[in-house]
Amino acid sequence: MGLMDSFWTWLGVEREEVREELIDLPGNEETQRGHGNIVSIHSNKTFKVVVSEPVSFDEVQVLADHLKNRKQLILNFDNTPPEISQRIIDFISGTTYSLEGHSQALGKNIFIFTPSNVEIAKDHRSLIRKPGFTNPFVGEK
């Protein structure tokens, strides 16, 4: 135990001991002995997508909890009254913003809300198909 460790212990702050454990994986014996490579195993969680068709504002807390639990939300408002849809969108948009997430309209009444670990990539071809878009590269030589 060094001087700094004693100081931190005196202050009441203890450091966690980090233990690393190497696992021998079956495979190429030459690689394991010759180079001493260490294989890192990361647990990869599956991403979940929740698809919902809310009909009342009472469902908004459950939807926000899905975002807090790092799940993606796709909300379909085809069968939801417009005033309820707007309230739900406002609430979930605020939740998404506070969690540093992302949102995107997928259609007239369909929206996606994602947590911060999921980025929504926009297809640039869909921008070109929008009416009123002028292609700056047309006519150049």
N, C-alpha and C. Protein backbone atom coordinates (compact mmCIF):
# COMPACT_ATOMS: atom_id res chain seq x y z
N MET A 1 0.85 -1.16 0.00
CA MET A 1 0.00 0.00 0.00
C MET A 1 0.90 1.22 0.00
N GLY A 2 0.67 2.12 -0.95
CA GLY A 2 1.50 3.30 -1.07
C GLY A 2 0.99 4.44 -0.21
N LEU A 3 1.70 5.52 -0.27
CA LEU A 3 1.36 6.71 0.51
C LEU A 3 0.01 7.27 0.10
N MET A 4 -0.26 7.30 -1.21
CA MET A 4 -1.54 7.83 -1.69
C MET A 4 -2.71 6.94 -1.25
N ASP A 5 -2.49 5.62 -1.28
CA ASP A 5 -3.54 4.71 -0.83
C ASP A 5 -3.86 4.94 0.65
N SER A 6 -2.82 5.16 1.44
CA SER A 6 -3.02 5.45 2.87
C SER A 6 -3.79 6.75 3.06
N PHE A 7 -3.45 7.74 2.25
CA PHE A 7 -4.14 9.03 2.33
C PHE A 7 -5.62 8.89 2.02
N TRP A 8 -5.93 8.17 0.93
CA TRP A 8 -7.33 7.98 0.54
C TRP A 8 -8.08 7.17 1.60
N THR A 9 -7.43 6.19 2.19
CA THR A 9 -8.07 5.40 3.24
C THR A 9 -8.33 6.28 4.46
N TRP A 10 -7.39 7.17 4.81
CA TRP A 10 -7.56 8.09 5.93
C TRP A 10 -8.76 9.00 5.70
N LEU A 11 -8.99 9.42 4.42
CA LEU A 11 -10.13 10.27 4.10
C LEU A 11 -11.44 9.48 4.06
N GLY A 12 -11.35 8.18 4.08
CA GLY A 12 -12.55 7.36 4.03
C GLY A 12 -12.94 6.94 2.63
N VAL A 13 -12.05 7.17 1.68
CA VAL A 13 -12.29 6.80 0.31
C VAL A 13 -11.47 5.55 0.01
N GLU A 14 -12.15 4.51 -0.36
CA GLU A 14 -11.43 3.28 -0.67
C GLU A 14 -11.48 3.04 -2.16
N ARG A 15 -10.41 2.52 -2.68
CA ARG A 15 -10.36 2.21 -4.10
C ARG A 15 -10.76 0.77 -4.32
N GLU A 16 -11.45 0.56 -5.43
CA GLU A 16 -11.82 -0.80 -5.79
C GLU A 16 -10.62 -1.50 -6.39
N GLU A 17 -10.46 -2.74 -6.01
CA GLU A 17 -9.40 -3.52 -6.62
C GLU A 17 -9.95 -4.11 -7.91
N VAL A 18 -9.20 -3.96 -8.97
CA VAL A 18 -9.61 -4.48 -10.26
C VAL A 18 -8.87 -5.79 -10.49
N ARG A 19 -9.65 -6.83 -10.65
CA ARG A 19 -9.05 -8.14 -10.92
C ARG A 19 -9.36 -8.51 -12.35
N GLU A 20 -8.33 -8.88 -13.06
CA GLU A 20 -8.51 -9.33 -14.43
C GLU A 20 -8.32 -10.83 -14.45
N GLU A 21 -9.15 -11.47 -15.20
CA GLU A 21 -9.07 -12.91 -15.30
C GLU A 21 -8.93 -13.28 -16.77
N LEU A 22 -7.91 -14.04 -17.10
CA LEU A 22 -7.70 -14.47 -18.46
C LEU A 22 -8.34 -15.84 -18.64
N ILE A 23 -9.01 -15.99 -19.74
CA ILE A 23 -9.68 -17.25 -20.05
C ILE A 23 -8.98 -17.88 -21.24
N ASP A 24 -8.56 -19.11 -21.08
CA ASP A 24 -7.97 -19.83 -22.20
C ASP A 24 -9.08 -20.31 -23.11
N LEU A 25 -9.01 -19.88 -24.34
CA LEU A 25 -9.99 -20.28 -25.33
C LEU A 25 -9.41 -21.38 -26.18
N PRO A 26 -10.22 -22.38 -26.53
CA PRO A 26 -9.70 -23.41 -27.42
C PRO A 26 -9.43 -22.80 -28.78
N GLY A 27 -8.43 -23.27 -29.43
CA GLY A 27 -8.12 -22.71 -30.75
C GLY A 27 -6.70 -23.00 -31.12
N ASN A 28 -6.12 -22.08 -31.80
CA ASN A 28 -4.77 -22.24 -32.31
C ASN A 28 -3.78 -22.13 -31.16
N GLU A 29 -3.13 -23.26 -30.83
CA GLU A 29 -2.19 -23.30 -29.71
C GLU A 29 -0.98 -22.42 -29.98
N GLU A 30 -0.56 -22.33 -31.24
CA GLU A 30 0.61 -21.54 -31.60
C GLU A 30 0.38 -20.07 -31.28
N THR A 31 -0.81 -19.58 -31.57
CA THR A 31 -1.12 -18.18 -31.31
C THR A 31 -1.14 -17.92 -29.81
N GLN A 32 -1.67 -18.88 -29.05
CA GLN A 32 -1.76 -18.67 -27.61
C GLN A 32 -0.39 -18.66 -26.95
N ARG A 33 0.50 -19.56 -27.38
CA ARG A 33 1.81 -19.64 -26.76
C ARG A 33 2.79 -18.64 -27.35
N GLY A 34 2.82 -18.55 -28.67
CA GLY A 34 3.84 -17.77 -29.37
C GLY A 34 3.72 -16.27 -29.14
N HIS A 35 2.54 -15.72 -29.24
CA HIS A 35 2.38 -14.27 -29.18
C HIS A 35 1.77 -13.78 -27.88
N GLY A 36 1.17 -14.66 -27.13
CA GLY A 36 0.54 -14.26 -25.88
C GLY A 36 -0.61 -13.30 -26.08
N ASN A 37 -1.39 -13.49 -27.14
CA ASN A 37 -2.52 -12.60 -27.41
C ASN A 37 -3.58 -12.75 -26.34
N ILE A 38 -4.19 -11.65 -25.98
CA ILE A 38 -5.29 -11.66 -25.03
C ILE A 38 -6.57 -11.38 -25.80
N VAL A 39 -7.56 -12.20 -25.60
CA VAL A 39 -8.83 -12.05 -26.29
C VAL A 39 -9.81 -11.37 -25.35
N SER A 40 -10.39 -10.28 -25.80
CA SER A 40 -11.37 -9.55 -25.00
C SER A 40 -12.76 -10.01 -25.40
N ILE A 41 -13.54 -10.38 -24.42
CA ILE A 41 -14.91 -10.83 -24.69
C ILE A 41 -15.85 -9.77 -24.13
N HIS A 42 -16.62 -9.16 -25.01
CA HIS A 42 -17.59 -8.15 -24.59
C HIS A 42 -18.97 -8.78 -24.65
N SER A 43 -19.75 -8.57 -23.61
CA SER A 43 -21.13 -9.04 -23.68
C SER A 43 -21.92 -8.04 -24.49
N ASN A 44 -22.57 -8.51 -25.52
CA ASN A 44 -23.31 -7.65 -26.43
C ASN A 44 -24.80 -7.81 -26.14
N LYS A 45 -25.40 -6.78 -25.59
CA LYS A 45 -26.83 -6.84 -25.31
C LYS A 45 -27.61 -6.64 -26.59
N THR A 46 -28.72 -7.30 -26.68
CA THR A 46 -29.54 -7.11 -27.87
C THR A 46 -30.35 -5.83 -27.71
N PHE A 47 -30.52 -5.15 -28.82
CA PHE A 47 -31.32 -3.93 -28.79
C PHE A 47 -32.78 -4.31 -28.95
N LYS A 48 -33.63 -3.71 -28.16
CA LYS A 48 -35.06 -3.98 -28.22
C LYS A 48 -35.77 -2.79 -28.82
N VAL A 49 -36.77 -3.09 -29.63
CA VAL A 49 -37.62 -2.07 -30.23
C VAL A 49 -39.03 -2.32 -29.75
N VAL A 50 -39.66 -1.30 -29.19
CA VAL A 50 -41.04 -1.40 -28.73
C VAL A 50 -41.91 -0.67 -29.74
N VAL A 51 -42.86 -1.39 -30.30
CA VAL A 51 -43.82 -0.81 -31.24
C VAL A 51 -45.14 -0.67 -30.50
N SER A 52 -45.70 0.54 -30.52
CA SER A 52 -46.91 0.79 -29.74
C SER A 52 -47.89 1.65 -30.54
N GLU A 53 -49.16 1.41 -30.29
CA GLU A 53 -50.24 2.24 -30.83
C GLU A 53 -51.03 2.78 -29.65
N PRO A 54 -50.53 3.85 -29.02
CA PRO A 54 -51.21 4.37 -27.83
C PRO A 54 -52.58 4.94 -28.16
N VAL A 55 -53.53 4.76 -27.24
CA VAL A 55 -54.87 5.30 -27.44
C VAL A 55 -55.23 6.35 -26.39
N SER A 56 -54.44 6.41 -25.29
CA SER A 56 -54.71 7.42 -24.27
C SER A 56 -53.39 7.92 -23.69
N PHE A 57 -53.47 9.09 -23.06
CA PHE A 57 -52.30 9.71 -22.46
C PHE A 57 -51.81 8.92 -21.25
N ASP A 58 -52.65 8.05 -20.69
CA ASP A 58 -52.27 7.25 -19.53
C ASP A 58 -51.12 6.29 -19.83
N GLU A 59 -50.87 6.00 -21.09
CA GLU A 59 -49.82 5.06 -21.47
C GLU A 59 -48.45 5.72 -21.57
N VAL A 60 -48.38 7.03 -21.45
CA VAL A 60 -47.15 7.76 -21.72
C VAL A 60 -46.03 7.43 -20.73
N GLN A 61 -46.36 7.16 -19.48
CA GLN A 61 -45.32 6.87 -18.50
C GLN A 61 -44.64 5.54 -18.81
N VAL A 62 -45.41 4.55 -19.23
CA VAL A 62 -44.83 3.26 -19.61
C VAL A 62 -43.93 3.42 -20.82
N LEU A 63 -44.35 4.25 -21.78
CA LEU A 63 -43.54 4.50 -22.97
C LEU A 63 -42.23 5.20 -22.60
N ALA A 64 -42.30 6.18 -21.71
CA ALA A 64 -41.10 6.89 -21.27
C ALA A 64 -40.16 5.94 -20.52
N ASP A 65 -40.72 5.02 -19.76
CA ASP A 65 -39.89 4.04 -19.05
C ASP A 65 -39.12 3.14 -20.02
N HIS A 66 -39.72 2.84 -21.17
CA HIS A 66 -39.01 2.05 -22.18
C HIS A 66 -37.76 2.81 -22.65
N LEU A 67 -37.91 4.11 -22.89
CA LEU A 67 -36.75 4.92 -23.29
C LEU A 67 -35.70 4.97 -22.19
N LYS A 68 -36.13 5.12 -20.95
CA LYS A 68 -35.19 5.14 -19.83
C LYS A 68 -34.43 3.82 -19.72
N ASN A 69 -35.06 2.73 -20.13
CA ASN A 69 -34.42 1.41 -20.10
C ASN A 69 -33.67 1.11 -21.39
N ARG A 70 -33.37 2.16 -22.19
CA ARG A 70 -32.57 2.08 -23.41
C ARG A 70 -33.22 1.24 -24.51
N LYS A 71 -34.54 1.29 -24.60
CA LYS A 71 -35.25 0.61 -25.69
C LYS A 71 -35.74 1.65 -26.68
N GLN A 72 -35.79 1.27 -27.94
CA GLN A 72 -36.28 2.16 -28.98
C GLN A 72 -37.80 2.09 -29.03
N LEU A 73 -38.42 3.21 -29.36
CA LEU A 73 -39.88 3.27 -29.46
C LEU A 73 -40.30 3.63 -30.87
N ILE A 74 -41.22 2.87 -31.41
CA ILE A 74 -41.89 3.26 -32.64
C ILE A 74 -43.35 3.44 -32.28
N LEU A 75 -43.86 4.65 -32.46
CA LEU A 75 -45.24 4.96 -32.08
C LEU A 75 -46.07 5.22 -33.33
N ASN A 76 -47.19 4.51 -33.41
CA ASN A 76 -48.13 4.65 -34.52
C ASN A 76 -49.38 5.34 -33.99
N PHE A 77 -49.68 6.52 -34.51
CA PHE A 77 -50.82 7.31 -34.04
C PHE A 77 -51.99 7.29 -35.02
N ASP A 78 -52.08 6.28 -35.88
CA ASP A 78 -53.17 6.21 -36.85
C ASP A 78 -54.54 6.16 -36.19
N ASN A 79 -54.65 5.47 -35.05
CA ASN A 79 -55.94 5.31 -34.38
C ASN A 79 -56.05 6.12 -33.09
N THR A 80 -55.21 7.14 -32.95
CA THR A 80 -55.20 7.97 -31.75
C THR A 80 -55.76 9.34 -32.10
N PRO A 81 -56.64 9.89 -31.25
CA PRO A 81 -57.15 11.24 -31.51
C PRO A 81 -56.00 12.25 -31.60
N PRO A 82 -56.10 13.23 -32.50
CA PRO A 82 -54.99 14.18 -32.72
C PRO A 82 -54.52 14.92 -31.47
N GLU A 83 -55.46 15.33 -30.60
CA GLU A 83 -55.04 16.08 -29.41
C GLU A 83 -54.27 15.18 -28.43
N ILE A 84 -54.64 13.91 -28.34
CA ILE A 84 -53.92 12.96 -27.49
C ILE A 84 -52.56 12.65 -28.11
N SER A 85 -52.53 12.50 -29.43
CA SER A 85 -51.26 12.23 -30.13
C SER A 85 -50.26 13.34 -29.86
N GLN A 86 -50.71 14.59 -29.95
CA GLN A 86 -49.81 15.72 -29.74
C GLN A 86 -49.27 15.75 -28.32
N ARG A 87 -50.11 15.46 -27.34
CA ARG A 87 -49.65 15.44 -25.94
C ARG A 87 -48.62 14.35 -25.71
N ILE A 88 -48.87 13.16 -26.30
CA ILE A 88 -47.93 12.04 -26.15
C ILE A 88 -46.60 12.37 -26.83
N ILE A 89 -46.67 12.93 -28.03
CA ILE A 89 -45.45 13.29 -28.75
C ILE A 89 -44.65 14.33 -27.96
N ASP A 90 -45.33 15.32 -27.40
CA ASP A 90 -44.65 16.34 -26.61
C ASP A 90 -43.95 15.73 -25.39
N PHE A 91 -44.65 14.84 -24.69
CA PHE A 91 -44.09 14.23 -23.49
C PHE A 91 -42.89 13.34 -23.84
N ILE A 92 -43.06 12.48 -24.84
CA ILE A 92 -41.99 11.56 -25.22
C ILE A 92 -40.81 12.33 -25.84
N SER A 93 -41.09 13.41 -26.55
CA SER A 93 -40.01 14.25 -27.09
C SER A 93 -39.19 14.86 -25.96
N GLY A 94 -39.86 15.32 -24.93
CA GLY A 94 -39.15 15.87 -23.77
C GLY A 94 -38.31 14.81 -23.06
N THR A 95 -38.87 13.63 -22.94
CA THR A 95 -38.13 12.52 -22.33
C THR A 95 -36.90 12.18 -23.17
N THR A 96 -37.09 12.11 -24.48
CA THR A 96 -35.99 11.80 -25.39
C THR A 96 -34.90 12.85 -25.29
N TYR A 97 -35.28 14.12 -25.26
CA TYR A 97 -34.32 15.20 -25.15
C TYR A 97 -33.54 15.11 -23.84
N SER A 98 -34.24 14.86 -22.75
CA SER A 98 -33.56 14.81 -21.45
C SER A 98 -32.61 13.62 -21.35
N LEU A 99 -32.87 12.56 -22.11
CA LEU A 99 -31.99 11.39 -22.12
C LEU A 99 -30.96 11.47 -23.24
N GLU A 100 -30.90 12.63 -23.92
CA GLU A 100 -29.98 12.88 -25.03
C GLU A 100 -30.19 11.89 -26.17
N GLY A 101 -31.44 11.52 -26.41
CA GLY A 101 -31.77 10.58 -27.47
C GLY A 101 -32.09 11.29 -28.77
N HIS A 102 -32.71 10.54 -29.68
CA HIS A 102 -33.01 11.06 -31.00
C HIS A 102 -34.45 10.73 -31.36
N SER A 103 -35.03 11.52 -32.25
CA SER A 103 -36.39 11.24 -32.72
C SER A 103 -36.48 11.57 -34.20
N GLN A 104 -37.43 10.92 -34.86
CA GLN A 104 -37.60 11.12 -36.29
C GLN A 104 -39.02 10.73 -36.66
N ALA A 105 -39.64 11.52 -37.52
CA ALA A 105 -40.95 11.14 -38.07
C ALA A 105 -40.69 10.16 -39.21
N LEU A 106 -41.35 9.02 -39.16
CA LEU A 106 -41.19 8.01 -40.21
C LEU A 106 -42.30 8.11 -41.25
N GLY A 107 -43.39 8.69 -40.87
CA GLY A 107 -44.53 8.86 -41.75
C GLY A 107 -45.43 9.93 -41.18
N LYS A 108 -46.63 10.03 -41.73
CA LYS A 108 -47.55 11.07 -41.26
C LYS A 108 -47.90 10.89 -39.79
N ASN A 109 -48.13 9.66 -39.36
CA ASN A 109 -48.52 9.39 -37.98
C ASN A 109 -47.62 8.38 -37.29
N ILE A 110 -46.42 8.18 -37.79
CA ILE A 110 -45.51 7.19 -37.21
C ILE A 110 -44.19 7.89 -36.86
N PHE A 111 -43.73 7.67 -35.61
CA PHE A 111 -42.52 8.32 -35.11
C PHE A 111 -41.62 7.29 -34.44
N ILE A 112 -40.31 7.54 -34.50
CA ILE A 112 -39.35 6.71 -33.78
C ILE A 112 -38.61 7.58 -32.78
N PHE A 113 -38.44 7.05 -31.58
CA PHE A 113 -37.70 7.71 -30.51
C PHE A 113 -36.65 6.71 -30.04
N THR A 114 -35.40 7.16 -29.96
CA THR A 114 -34.32 6.25 -29.58
C THR A 114 -33.51 6.83 -28.43
N PRO A 115 -32.92 5.97 -27.60
CA PRO A 115 -32.04 6.46 -26.54
C PRO A 115 -30.72 6.95 -27.14
N SER A 116 -29.85 7.48 -26.31
CA SER A 116 -28.62 8.11 -26.79
C SER A 116 -27.65 7.13 -27.44
N ASN A 117 -27.76 5.84 -27.14
CA ASN A 117 -26.82 4.88 -27.72
C ASN A 117 -27.23 4.41 -29.11
N VAL A 118 -28.36 4.92 -29.63
CA VAL A 118 -28.82 4.53 -30.97
C VAL A 118 -28.94 5.80 -31.81
N GLU A 119 -28.26 5.82 -32.93
CA GLU A 119 -28.31 6.97 -33.82
C GLU A 119 -29.24 6.65 -34.98
N ILE A 120 -30.03 7.62 -35.37
CA ILE A 120 -30.93 7.46 -36.51
C ILE A 120 -30.21 8.02 -37.73
N ALA A 121 -29.92 7.16 -38.70
CA ALA A 121 -29.25 7.60 -39.92
C ALA A 121 -30.32 7.93 -40.96
N LYS A 122 -30.17 9.08 -41.59
CA LYS A 122 -31.14 9.52 -42.59
C LYS A 122 -30.66 9.11 -43.97
N ASP A 123 -31.56 8.62 -44.76
CA ASP A 123 -31.26 8.22 -46.13
C ASP A 123 -31.29 9.47 -47.00
N HIS A 124 -30.18 9.81 -47.60
CA HIS A 124 -30.09 11.03 -48.40
C HIS A 124 -30.90 10.93 -49.68
N ARG A 125 -31.20 9.72 -50.13
CA ARG A 125 -32.01 9.56 -51.33
C ARG A 125 -33.44 10.04 -51.10
N SER A 126 -33.94 9.90 -49.86
CA SER A 126 -35.30 10.36 -49.58
C SER A 126 -35.39 11.89 -49.64
N LEU A 127 -34.30 12.58 -49.33
CA LEU A 127 -34.28 14.04 -49.43
C LEU A 127 -34.42 14.48 -50.87
N ILE A 128 -33.78 13.78 -51.78
CA ILE A 128 -33.84 14.12 -53.19
C ILE A 128 -35.25 13.93 -53.74
N ARG A 129 -35.97 12.95 -53.22
CA ARG A 129 -37.32 12.66 -53.71
C ARG A 129 -38.37 13.66 -53.23
N LYS A 130 -38.04 14.50 -52.25
CA LYS A 130 -39.01 15.45 -51.72
C LYS A 130 -39.32 16.51 -52.76
N PRO A 131 -40.60 16.90 -52.86
CA PRO A 131 -40.95 17.95 -53.83
C PRO A 131 -40.31 19.27 -53.43
N GLY A 132 -39.86 20.02 -54.43
CA GLY A 132 -39.25 21.31 -54.17
C GLY A 132 -37.75 21.26 -53.98
N PHE A 133 -37.19 20.05 -53.97
CA PHE A 133 -35.74 19.93 -53.81
C PHE A 133 -35.08 20.16 -55.17
N THR A 134 -34.13 21.05 -55.21
CA THR A 134 -33.39 21.28 -56.46
C THR A 134 -32.00 20.69 -56.29
N ASN A 135 -31.62 19.89 -57.22
CA ASN A 135 -30.33 19.22 -57.18
C ASN A 135 -29.26 20.20 -57.65
N PRO A 136 -28.30 20.56 -56.79
CA PRO A 136 -27.28 21.53 -57.18
C PRO A 136 -26.29 20.98 -58.20
N PHE A 137 -26.26 19.67 -58.39
CA PHE A 137 -25.29 19.06 -59.30
C PHE A 137 -25.84 18.92 -60.72
N VAL A 138 -27.11 19.18 -60.93
CA VAL A 138 -27.68 19.07 -62.26
C VAL A 138 -27.21 20.25 -63.08
N GLY A 139 -26.73 20.00 -64.27
CA GLY A 139 -26.30 21.06 -65.16
C GLY A 139 -24.84 21.43 -65.02
N GLU A 140 -24.13 20.86 -64.01
CA GLU A 140 -22.70 21.16 -63.87
C GLU A 140 -21.89 20.25 -64.78
N LYS A 141 -20.78 20.75 -65.27
CA LYS A 141 -19.89 19.93 -66.07
C LYS A 141 -18.49 20.11 -65.62
